[in-house]
Protein backbone atom coordinates (compact mmCIF):
# COMPACT_ATOMS: atom_id res chain seq x y z
CA MET A 1 15.02 6.70 1.47
CA LEU A 2 12.15 9.05 1.51
CA PHE A 3 10.29 10.79 -1.44
CA ASN A 4 9.84 13.43 1.22
CA SER A 5 13.15 14.53 1.80
CA TYR A 6 15.89 16.77 0.51
CA VAL A 7 18.50 13.89 -0.35
CA PHE A 8 16.01 12.32 -2.46
CA LEU A 9 14.79 15.48 -4.15
CA PHE A 10 17.98 17.12 -5.06
CA GLY A 11 20.70 14.36 -4.70
CA PHE A 12 19.16 10.93 -5.69
CA LEU A 13 16.49 11.88 -8.03
CA PRO A 14 18.05 14.24 -10.13
CA THR A 15 21.59 12.17 -10.42
CA ALA A 16 18.92 9.13 -11.30
CA TYR A 17 17.12 11.23 -14.09
CA VAL A 18 19.85 12.50 -15.51
CA VAL A 19 21.64 9.61 -15.94
CA PHE A 20 18.83 7.33 -17.03
CA TRP A 21 17.96 9.43 -19.77
CA ALA A 22 21.71 10.06 -20.92
CA LEU A 23 22.13 6.47 -21.36
CA PRO A 24 21.98 4.71 -25.03
CA SER A 25 20.07 1.79 -24.86
CA THR A 26 17.40 0.06 -23.43
CA ARG A 27 19.92 -2.78 -21.41
CA THR A 28 22.11 0.27 -20.00
CA ARG A 29 18.78 1.77 -18.44
CA TYR A 30 17.83 -1.39 -16.73
CA ILE A 31 21.05 -1.90 -15.18
CA TRP A 32 20.86 1.62 -13.89
CA LEU A 33 17.50 1.50 -12.93
CA THR A 34 18.73 -1.49 -10.92
CA ILE A 35 21.34 0.10 -9.55
CA THR A 36 19.29 2.91 -8.53
CA GLY A 37 16.67 0.76 -6.91
CA TYR A 38 19.34 -0.90 -5.06
CA VAL A 39 20.90 2.15 -3.54
CA PHE A 40 17.70 3.37 -2.86
CA TYR A 41 16.47 0.29 -0.71
CA GLY A 42 20.42 0.05 0.68
CA TYR A 43 20.28 3.83 2.04
CA TRP A 44 17.96 2.45 4.99
CA ASN A 45 19.70 -0.77 5.69
CA PRO A 46 22.40 -2.26 2.69
CA LYS A 47 22.14 -5.76 4.39
CA PHE A 48 18.69 -6.27 3.32
CA CYS A 49 19.44 -5.86 -0.50
CA ILE A 50 20.77 -9.62 -0.17
CA LEU A 51 17.23 -10.62 0.92
CA MET A 52 16.09 -8.93 -2.59
CA ALA A 53 18.56 -10.12 -4.88
CA VAL A 54 18.00 -13.64 -3.80
CA SER A 55 14.11 -13.38 -4.28
CA THR A 56 15.01 -11.62 -7.62
CA ALA A 57 17.21 -14.53 -8.67
CA VAL A 58 14.63 -17.42 -7.59
CA SER A 59 12.22 -15.55 -9.63
CA PHE A 60 14.07 -15.30 -12.67
CA THR A 61 15.12 -18.33 -12.83
CA ALA A 62 11.94 -19.84 -12.44
CA GLY A 63 10.86 -18.17 -15.21
CA ILE A 64 13.47 -19.26 -17.77
CA GLY A 65 12.75 -22.75 -16.31
CA PHE A 66 9.03 -22.16 -17.80
CA LEU A 67 10.38 -21.30 -21.16
CA LYS A 68 12.34 -24.32 -21.24
CA THR A 69 9.61 -27.05 -20.33
CA ARG A 70 6.26 -28.00 -20.83
CA ASP A 71 6.19 -31.02 -18.77
CA PRO A 72 3.49 -30.59 -16.10
CA LYS A 73 5.32 -31.94 -13.14
CA ARG A 74 8.17 -29.75 -13.81
CA ARG A 75 6.12 -26.78 -14.17
CA LYS A 76 4.32 -27.42 -11.12
CA LEU A 77 7.94 -28.02 -9.24
CA LEU A 78 9.11 -24.77 -11.03
CA LEU A 79 5.75 -22.90 -9.31
CA ILE A 80 5.94 -24.20 -5.87
CA VAL A 81 9.42 -23.87 -5.00
CA PRO A 82 10.28 -20.07 -5.52
CA ILE A 83 7.05 -19.09 -4.04
CA THR A 84 7.69 -21.08 -1.11
CA ILE A 85 11.11 -19.63 -0.22
CA ASP A 86 9.89 -15.79 -1.20
CA LEU A 87 6.85 -17.25 1.37
CA SER A 88 9.38 -18.66 3.71
CA LEU A 89 11.44 -15.51 3.69
CA LEU A 90 8.54 -13.13 4.25
CA GLY A 91 7.09 -15.39 6.98
CA PHE A 92 10.64 -15.39 8.96
CA PHE A 93 11.01 -11.89 9.00
CA LYS A 94 7.20 -10.81 9.50
CA TYR A 95 5.64 -13.48 11.52
CA ALA A 96 8.46 -15.37 13.46
CA ASN A 97 7.43 -13.64 16.05
CA PHE A 98 3.89 -13.47 15.78
CA GLY A 99 3.85 -16.85 15.82
CA ILE A 100 5.72 -17.36 18.85
CA GLU A 101 3.85 -15.06 20.48
CA THR A 102 0.25 -16.85 19.50
CA ALA A 103 2.06 -20.07 20.40
CA GLY A 104 2.82 -18.93 23.91
CA ALA A 105 -0.66 -17.69 24.76
CA VAL A 106 -2.26 -20.80 23.72
CA PHE A 107 -0.09 -22.41 26.31
CA LYS A 108 -0.63 -19.95 28.69
CA ALA A 109 -4.61 -20.23 28.10
CA ALA A 110 -4.08 -23.97 28.03
CA GLY A 111 -2.38 -23.72 31.62
CA TYR A 112 0.87 -24.52 30.48
CA SER A 113 3.83 -22.09 31.27
CA VAL A 114 6.53 -22.44 28.38
CA ALA A 115 9.39 -20.17 27.99
CA LEU A 116 9.61 -19.13 24.39
CA PRO A 117 12.24 -16.94 22.94
CA HIS A 118 11.71 -13.54 21.30
CA LEU A 119 13.58 -13.56 18.04
CA ASP A 120 15.72 -10.22 17.14
CA ILE A 121 14.15 -9.57 14.05
CA ILE A 122 14.02 -6.34 11.73
CA LEU A 123 11.28 -6.16 9.07
CA PRO A 124 12.97 -5.36 6.07
CA ILE A 125 10.84 -2.60 4.44
CA GLY A 126 8.90 -3.52 1.35
CA ILE A 127 9.38 -6.79 1.76
CA SER A 128 5.73 -7.55 1.55
CA PHE A 129 5.46 -5.88 -1.85
CA TYR A 130 8.33 -6.76 -3.76
CA THR A 131 7.28 -10.43 -2.55
CA PHE A 132 4.01 -9.74 -4.09
CA HIS A 133 5.92 -8.94 -7.47
CA THR A 134 7.91 -11.79 -7.38
CA ILE A 135 5.14 -13.89 -6.72
CA SER A 136 2.71 -12.51 -9.20
CA TYR A 137 5.17 -12.93 -11.83
CA ILE A 138 5.98 -16.48 -11.14
CA VAL A 139 2.12 -17.28 -11.06
CA ASP A 140 1.42 -15.68 -14.09
CA SER A 141 4.45 -17.47 -16.12
CA TYR A 142 3.25 -20.46 -15.09
CA ARG A 143 -0.39 -19.52 -16.27
CA GLY A 144 0.71 -18.59 -19.47
CA VAL A 145 -0.68 -15.38 -18.93
CA ILE A 146 2.77 -13.81 -19.62
CA THR A 147 5.82 -14.78 -21.36
CA PRO A 148 8.82 -14.77 -18.96
CA THR A 149 11.69 -12.45 -20.18
CA ARG A 150 15.02 -13.78 -20.52
CA ASN A 151 16.80 -10.36 -19.97
CA PHE A 152 17.64 -10.44 -16.22
CA PHE A 153 18.70 -6.54 -15.66
CA GLU A 154 14.77 -6.21 -17.26
CA PHE A 155 13.30 -8.55 -14.36
CA SER A 156 15.30 -6.76 -11.79
CA THR A 157 14.32 -3.33 -13.12
CA TYR A 158 10.55 -4.87 -12.42
CA VAL A 159 11.45 -6.04 -9.11
CA SER A 160 13.61 -3.27 -7.54
CA LEU A 161 12.14 -0.28 -9.54
CA PHE A 162 12.82 2.53 -6.69
CA SER A 163 9.48 4.73 -7.20
CA GLN A 164 7.06 1.59 -6.53
CA LEU A 165 9.70 -0.34 -4.51
CA ILE A 166 9.13 0.30 -0.45
CA ALA A 167 5.02 0.93 -0.53
CA GLY A 168 4.01 0.11 -3.93
CA PRO A 169 1.56 -0.03 -5.95
CA ILE A 170 1.92 -3.67 -5.97
CA VAL A 171 2.36 -3.84 -10.16
CA ARG A 172 2.19 -6.92 -11.85
CA PHE A 173 4.89 -7.37 -14.82
CA ARG A 174 2.27 -7.19 -17.67
CA GLN A 175 1.27 -4.23 -16.24
CA ILE A 176 4.35 -2.58 -17.26
CA GLU A 177 5.91 -4.62 -19.87
CA ALA A 178 5.38 -2.90 -22.81
CA ASP A 179 6.87 0.40 -21.09
CA LEU A 180 9.89 -1.74 -20.20
CA GLU A 181 10.53 -3.35 -23.38
CA SER A 182 10.58 0.10 -24.93
CA LEU A 183 12.77 1.54 -22.37
CA GLY A 184 15.39 2.27 -25.38
CA THR A 185 13.31 4.50 -27.37
CA ALA A 186 11.20 6.38 -24.52
CA ASP A 187 10.67 9.86 -25.30
CA ARG A 188 12.01 11.74 -22.43
CA THR A 189 9.23 14.62 -22.45
CA ARG A 190 6.06 12.30 -23.22
CA TRP A 191 5.00 12.00 -19.76
CA LEU A 192 7.30 14.41 -18.19
CA GLY A 193 4.68 17.30 -17.17
CA ARG A 194 2.32 14.87 -16.19
CA GLY A 195 4.58 12.81 -14.11
CA ALA A 196 5.97 16.09 -12.77
CA ARG A 197 2.20 16.90 -11.66
CA PHE A 198 1.15 13.51 -10.28
CA PHE A 199 4.56 13.67 -8.08
CA ALA A 200 3.74 17.62 -6.78
CA ILE A 201 0.04 16.43 -5.79
CA GLY A 202 1.13 13.01 -4.03
CA MET A 203 3.60 15.63 -1.99
CA VAL A 204 0.97 18.04 -1.18
CA GLU A 205 -1.39 14.76 -0.24
CA LYS A 206 1.60 13.61 2.00
CA VAL A 207 3.33 16.62 3.36
CA ILE A 208 0.74 19.14 3.82
CA VAL A 209 -2.36 17.01 4.12
CA ALA A 210 -1.36 13.83 6.08
CA ASP A 211 1.38 15.00 7.80
CA SER A 212 -0.81 17.98 9.13
CA LEU A 213 -3.51 15.53 10.49
CA ALA A 214 -0.70 13.19 12.38
CA ALA A 215 0.49 16.57 14.15
CA PHE A 216 -2.58 16.22 16.73
CA VAL A 217 -3.61 12.67 15.62
CA ASP A 218 -0.13 10.66 16.96
CA PRO A 219 -0.28 12.39 20.06
CA ALA A 220 -3.94 12.07 20.84
CA LEU A 221 -3.81 8.32 20.14
CA ALA A 222 -0.73 8.01 22.37
CA SER A 223 -2.73 9.25 25.39
CA TYR A 224 -6.10 7.96 24.43
CA HIS A 225 -7.61 7.06 27.65
CA THR A 226 -7.39 11.12 28.54
CA LEU A 227 -9.81 11.82 25.81
CA SER A 228 -13.56 13.11 25.55
CA THR A 229 -16.08 11.06 22.91
CA LEU A 230 -15.96 14.02 20.64
CA GLY A 231 -11.69 13.86 21.35
CA VAL A 232 -11.77 10.37 20.43
CA TRP A 233 -14.10 10.67 17.32
CA MET A 234 -11.42 13.69 16.48
CA ALA A 235 -8.59 11.44 16.63
CA ILE A 236 -10.27 8.74 14.54
CA LEU A 237 -11.30 10.66 11.61
CA GLY A 238 -8.08 12.32 11.68
CA TYR A 239 -6.41 8.88 11.58
CA THR A 240 -9.05 7.76 8.98
CA PHE A 241 -7.74 10.77 6.43
CA GLN A 242 -4.01 10.48 7.44
CA LEU A 243 -4.01 7.31 6.59
CA TYR A 244 -5.73 7.91 3.24
CA PHE A 245 -3.39 11.13 2.19
CA ASP A 246 -0.56 9.39 3.24
CA PHE A 247 -1.06 6.21 1.33
CA SER A 248 -2.35 7.79 -1.63
CA GLY A 249 0.53 10.55 -1.53
CA TYR A 250 3.08 7.80 -1.36
CA SER A 251 1.25 5.80 -4.86
CA THR A 252 0.69 9.14 -6.27
CA MET A 253 4.04 10.20 -6.07
CA ALA A 254 5.03 6.55 -7.49
CA VAL A 255 3.41 6.94 -10.51
CA GLY A 256 4.47 10.57 -11.27
CA LEU A 257 8.15 9.05 -11.00
CA GLY A 258 6.78 6.30 -13.27
CA TYR A 259 5.91 8.81 -15.63
CA MET A 260 9.39 10.64 -15.48
CA PHE A 261 11.34 7.43 -16.26
CA GLY A 262 8.85 6.35 -19.24
CA ILE A 263 6.95 3.72 -17.40
CA ARG A 264 3.26 3.79 -16.72
CA ILE A 265 2.51 2.61 -13.11
CA PRO A 266 -1.44 1.93 -12.57
CA GLN A 267 -3.65 4.24 -10.25
CA ASN A 268 -3.68 2.41 -6.61
CA PHE A 269 -6.60 4.93 -5.33
CA ASN A 270 -9.74 6.20 -6.78
CA SER A 271 -11.35 8.55 -4.34
CA PRO A 272 -12.34 5.47 -1.70
CA TYR A 273 -14.30 7.82 0.59
CA LYS A 274 -16.56 8.23 -2.33
CA SER A 275 -17.85 4.20 -2.32
CA LEU A 276 -21.32 3.55 -1.86
CA ASP A 277 -20.78 0.18 -0.61
CA PRO A 278 -18.08 -2.23 0.69
CA SER A 279 -17.40 -3.94 -2.69
CA GLU A 280 -17.02 -0.54 -4.47
CA PHE A 281 -14.60 0.47 -1.39
CA TRP A 282 -12.14 -2.15 -2.20
CA ARG A 283 -12.37 -1.28 -6.20
CA ARG A 284 -11.03 2.44 -5.00
CA TRP A 285 -9.09 1.33 -2.10
CA HIS A 286 -5.50 0.05 -2.63
CA ILE A 287 -6.91 -0.96 -6.07
CA SER A 288 -3.22 -3.17 -6.54
CA LEU A 289 -3.50 -5.32 -3.37
CA SER A 290 -7.31 -5.88 -3.64
CA THR A 291 -6.91 -7.04 -7.55
CA CYS A 292 -3.76 -9.27 -6.26
CA LEU A 293 -5.80 -11.06 -3.51
CA ARG A 294 -8.87 -11.46 -5.86
CA ASP A 295 -6.74 -13.18 -9.06
CA TYR A 296 -4.12 -14.77 -7.00
CA LEU A 297 -6.39 -15.98 -4.00
CA TYR A 298 -10.32 -15.26 -4.32
CA ILE A 299 -10.93 -16.77 -7.40
CA PRO A 300 -8.39 -19.51 -7.09
CA LEU A 301 -10.67 -20.44 -3.92
CA GLY A 302 -13.62 -21.13 -6.06
CA GLY A 303 -14.56 -17.20 -6.23
CA ASN A 304 -18.64 -17.07 -6.40
CA ARG A 305 -18.52 -20.13 -8.82
CA LYS A 306 -19.44 -23.15 -5.95
CA GLY A 307 -22.56 -21.75 -4.17
CA GLU A 308 -23.24 -19.41 -1.92
CA LEU A 309 -21.93 -20.73 1.37
CA GLU A 310 -18.46 -21.38 -0.60
CA THR A 311 -18.62 -18.04 -1.85
CA TYR A 312 -18.66 -16.32 1.98
CA ARG A 313 -16.13 -18.58 2.83
CA ASN A 314 -14.29 -17.48 0.30
CA LEU A 315 -14.78 -13.72 0.85
CA MET A 316 -13.92 -14.34 4.23
CA LEU A 317 -10.67 -16.07 3.91
CA THR A 318 -9.42 -13.60 1.55
CA MET A 319 -9.99 -10.70 3.98
CA LEU A 320 -8.52 -12.64 6.65
CA ILE A 321 -5.07 -13.27 4.92
CA GLY A 322 -5.23 -9.42 3.46
CA GLY A 323 -5.70 -8.28 6.69
CA LEU A 324 -2.96 -10.90 7.99
CA TRP A 325 -0.96 -9.38 4.73
CA HIS A 326 -0.77 -5.78 6.50
CA GLY A 327 0.94 -6.60 9.68
CA ALA A 328 1.64 -9.71 11.95
CA SER A 329 -0.94 -8.86 14.81
CA TRP A 330 -4.40 -10.30 15.46
CA THR A 331 -6.06 -6.90 15.15
CA PHE A 332 -5.25 -6.86 11.58
CA VAL A 333 -6.66 -9.92 11.36
CA VAL A 334 -10.27 -8.70 12.95
CA TRP A 335 -9.75 -5.59 10.67
CA GLY A 336 -9.76 -8.36 7.64
CA ALA A 337 -12.63 -10.37 9.13
CA TYR A 338 -14.51 -7.04 9.68
CA HIS A 339 -14.17 -6.34 6.00
CA GLY A 340 -14.94 -9.99 5.06
CA LEU A 341 -18.34 -9.72 7.22
CA LEU A 342 -19.47 -6.20 5.56
CA LEU A 343 -18.52 -8.09 1.91
CA GLY A 344 -20.42 -10.74 2.84
CA LEU A 345 -23.62 -8.72 4.44
CA TYR A 346 -23.63 -6.30 1.18
CA ARG A 347 -23.73 -9.59 -1.03
CA LYS A 348 -26.66 -10.89 0.80
CA PHE A 349 -28.62 -7.32 0.94
CA SER A 350 -27.27 -5.47 -1.93
CA THR A 351 -30.58 -5.14 -3.70
CA THR A 352 -31.94 -3.06 -0.08
CA TRP A 353 -28.86 -1.63 0.01
CA ASN A 354 -28.90 -0.10 -3.01
CA ALA A 355 -32.53 1.17 -3.01
CA ILE A 356 -30.99 3.85 -0.01
CA PRO A 357 -30.52 7.46 -1.69
CA ALA A 358 -26.97 7.77 -2.48
CA TRP A 359 -25.91 10.32 -0.44
CA LEU A 360 -27.05 7.95 2.46
CA ARG A 361 -24.76 5.06 1.48
CA GLN A 362 -21.65 7.21 0.87
CA ALA A 363 -22.07 8.66 4.43
CA ALA A 364 -22.84 5.47 6.16
CA MET A 365 -20.11 3.36 4.26
CA PHE A 366 -17.68 6.12 5.69
CA LEU A 367 -18.72 5.53 8.85
CA LEU A 368 -18.15 1.79 8.52
CA VAL A 369 -15.01 2.01 7.11
CA THR A 370 -13.69 4.63 9.85
CA ILE A 371 -15.33 1.86 12.67
CA GLY A 372 -12.86 -0.40 10.85
CA TRP A 373 -9.87 1.66 11.24
CA VAL A 374 -10.08 1.46 14.87
CA PHE A 375 -8.72 -1.74 14.34
CA PHE A 376 -6.33 -0.85 12.08
CA ARG A 377 -4.13 1.68 14.18
CA ALA A 378 -5.05 0.10 17.45
CA THR A 379 -1.96 -1.78 19.02
CA SER A 380 -4.07 -4.05 21.02
CA PHE A 381 -7.62 -5.38 21.33
CA GLY A 382 -7.63 -3.45 24.58
CA MET A 383 -6.75 -0.02 23.04
CA ALA A 384 -9.39 -1.13 19.98
CA GLY A 385 -12.33 -1.81 22.95
CA ASP A 386 -11.65 1.70 24.75
CA LEU A 387 -11.99 3.56 21.25
CA LEU A 388 -14.70 2.24 20.41
CA ARG A 389 -16.57 2.66 23.61
CA ALA A 390 -15.46 6.06 23.89
CA MET A 391 -17.00 6.73 20.55
CA PHE A 392 -20.05 5.58 21.12
CA ASN A 393 -20.34 5.85 25.12
CA PRO A 394 -20.59 9.87 26.05
CA THR A 395 -17.00 9.90 27.74
CA SER A 396 -15.91 13.07 29.44
CA GLY A 397 -11.90 14.13 28.75
CA LEU A 398 -9.76 16.14 27.04
CA LEU A 399 -10.05 17.32 23.23
CA VAL A 400 -7.28 16.91 20.56
CA ALA A 401 -4.07 19.53 20.65
CA ALA A 402 -5.75 23.08 19.18
CA PRO A 403 -8.88 21.58 18.53
CA VAL A 404 -10.24 24.60 16.63
CA LEU A 405 -7.38 24.18 14.29
CA SER A 406 -7.46 20.38 14.06
CA GLY A 407 -11.33 20.61 13.66
CA PHE A 408 -10.64 23.10 10.28
CA ALA A 409 -8.03 19.94 8.88
CA LEU A 410 -10.40 17.75 9.54
CA VAL A 411 -13.11 19.37 7.32
CA LEU A 412 -10.66 20.47 4.68
CA ALA A 413 -9.21 16.63 4.38
CA GLY A 414 -13.27 15.27 4.26
CA ALA A 415 -14.18 17.57 1.67
CA TRP A 416 -11.31 16.49 -0.36
CA SER A 417 -11.71 12.80 0.18
CA ALA A 418 -15.52 13.03 -0.55
CA PHE A 419 -16.16 15.55 -3.45
CA GLY A 420 -12.70 16.48 -4.98
CA PRO A 421 -10.62 15.28 -7.44
CA ASN A 422 -8.23 12.84 -7.35
CA ALA A 423 -4.73 13.09 -9.40
CA PHE A 424 -6.08 10.59 -11.76
CA ASP A 425 -9.04 13.03 -12.15
CA VAL A 426 -7.25 16.18 -13.06
CA SER A 427 -6.74 17.27 -16.55
CA PRO A 428 -3.62 16.25 -18.62
CA ARG A 429 -3.37 20.20 -19.41
CA PRO A 430 -4.69 21.95 -16.33
CA SER A 431 -5.50 25.72 -16.26
CA PHE A 432 -2.94 28.25 -15.21
CA ASN A 433 -4.41 28.87 -12.20
CA ARG A 434 -4.35 24.79 -11.21
CA ARG A 435 -0.77 25.29 -12.21
CA LEU A 436 -0.05 27.70 -10.12
CA ALA A 437 -1.71 26.29 -7.26
CA LEU A 438 0.49 23.30 -7.42
CA THR A 439 3.86 25.03 -7.72
CA ALA A 440 2.80 27.01 -4.50
CA GLY A 441 2.10 23.83 -2.68
CA PHE A 442 4.71 21.85 -4.03
CA ALA A 443 7.06 24.93 -2.84
CA ALA A 444 4.88 24.84 0.53
CA CYS A 445 6.28 21.18 1.00
CA LEU A 446 9.39 22.05 0.67
CA ALA A 447 9.74 24.85 3.27
CA ILE A 448 8.00 22.27 5.45
CA ILE A 449 10.42 19.64 4.80
CA ALA A 450 13.15 22.15 5.35
CA GLY A 451 12.20 23.37 8.77
CA ALA A 452 11.58 19.60 9.89
CA ARG A 453 12.58 16.02 9.64
CA PRO A 454 10.50 14.45 7.31
CA SER A 455 8.29 11.80 8.49
CA PRO A 456 8.20 8.14 6.90
CA PHE A 457 4.99 6.79 5.18
CA LEU A 458 2.63 4.72 7.03
CA TYR A 459 2.40 1.48 4.61
CA PHE A 460 6.35 1.17 5.19
CA GLN A 461 5.57 -0.67 8.31
CA PHE A 462 3.46 -3.35 6.50
């Protein structure tokens, strides 16, 4: 089910909201949010609800086990077994064919002809996100960062919360635990206005900005061989802004929906194209993922505590795995390696870099990130190579469709991302003119949705 669809806006959401606030207790609200989460998820394919239920039951059982034992060996077992189960499910559905294809390529390079099967596997939407939720819960329980809940429906609410189930943010249990515990006494009107504003801003980001850019970006990149250098740059810049406003739009709507139900979901984007260096970029882009990679991978690997070479190794390994998390393709791995290299170079030459004027650092950082998105968007290394050659080697060809309108959309999106506010920058008490503009924007979104099939969010594929 899509946030930007009439079935969600005029069917699912009003029903979920009215029933939730009519229920009298914390427990009944947990049960209702669990039910709505599974209905929301099962609307796409009901059979994959079983996977989420299995992951939920295994992780909850592990948490109960941590409450009952202090024996180090048993606790280690309670850590390893459920994480292995979660990662095995994720690995099979997301990476099985990738592993088979990679093995086939290795055999072929070695001169062997081996016929390996291609498995008919459908990737469950959102599996990477809810797997991160369950694993972070298990690790935090093991470390003693949180006290595992004894209430199964509280935990199932956390895992299946529909507002952030499909594409994040990746919310850790401790970040919303207090709000979950107090759901029964939550004030319906306390954050309603704020939630509605966040949801409307996110809808504008997705429907008006991201989808308008997609209208020329997707056809252009589908026939990228025909584009000139300027056409390729317009397409890649369009994708740079499309990806940001698409994913930021989803995350902002998720935050707004959380507020509507009395749950404060943390910020996931903080104007990343305003970043002045690679480190700042990852503090602003997909904040929930970057902090998870830091806390559950980079720091356990040793972080920057074991010497300079080890620090560079840990940075690179973290970003390689972060790239692979996004998709089962070597282009994502290269994208991760590219950002690992940028982080390493910044660490080495930060003094020199920081002496450059801020406006120039922002422009240079934006250019570096845009180049990286080529690997993120490309479906093959051949496509990535062709795009990069056309970007930096003058090439004749076509422009994108409706170049004047497309250029205007690029300018507006670029100005908003580089200089404008994000949803968290907007005052909690916006002026009448801002409320009017936001209302008009949301109304325009409804009109657009009514006239076209709602488009899925880009991060659904991850």
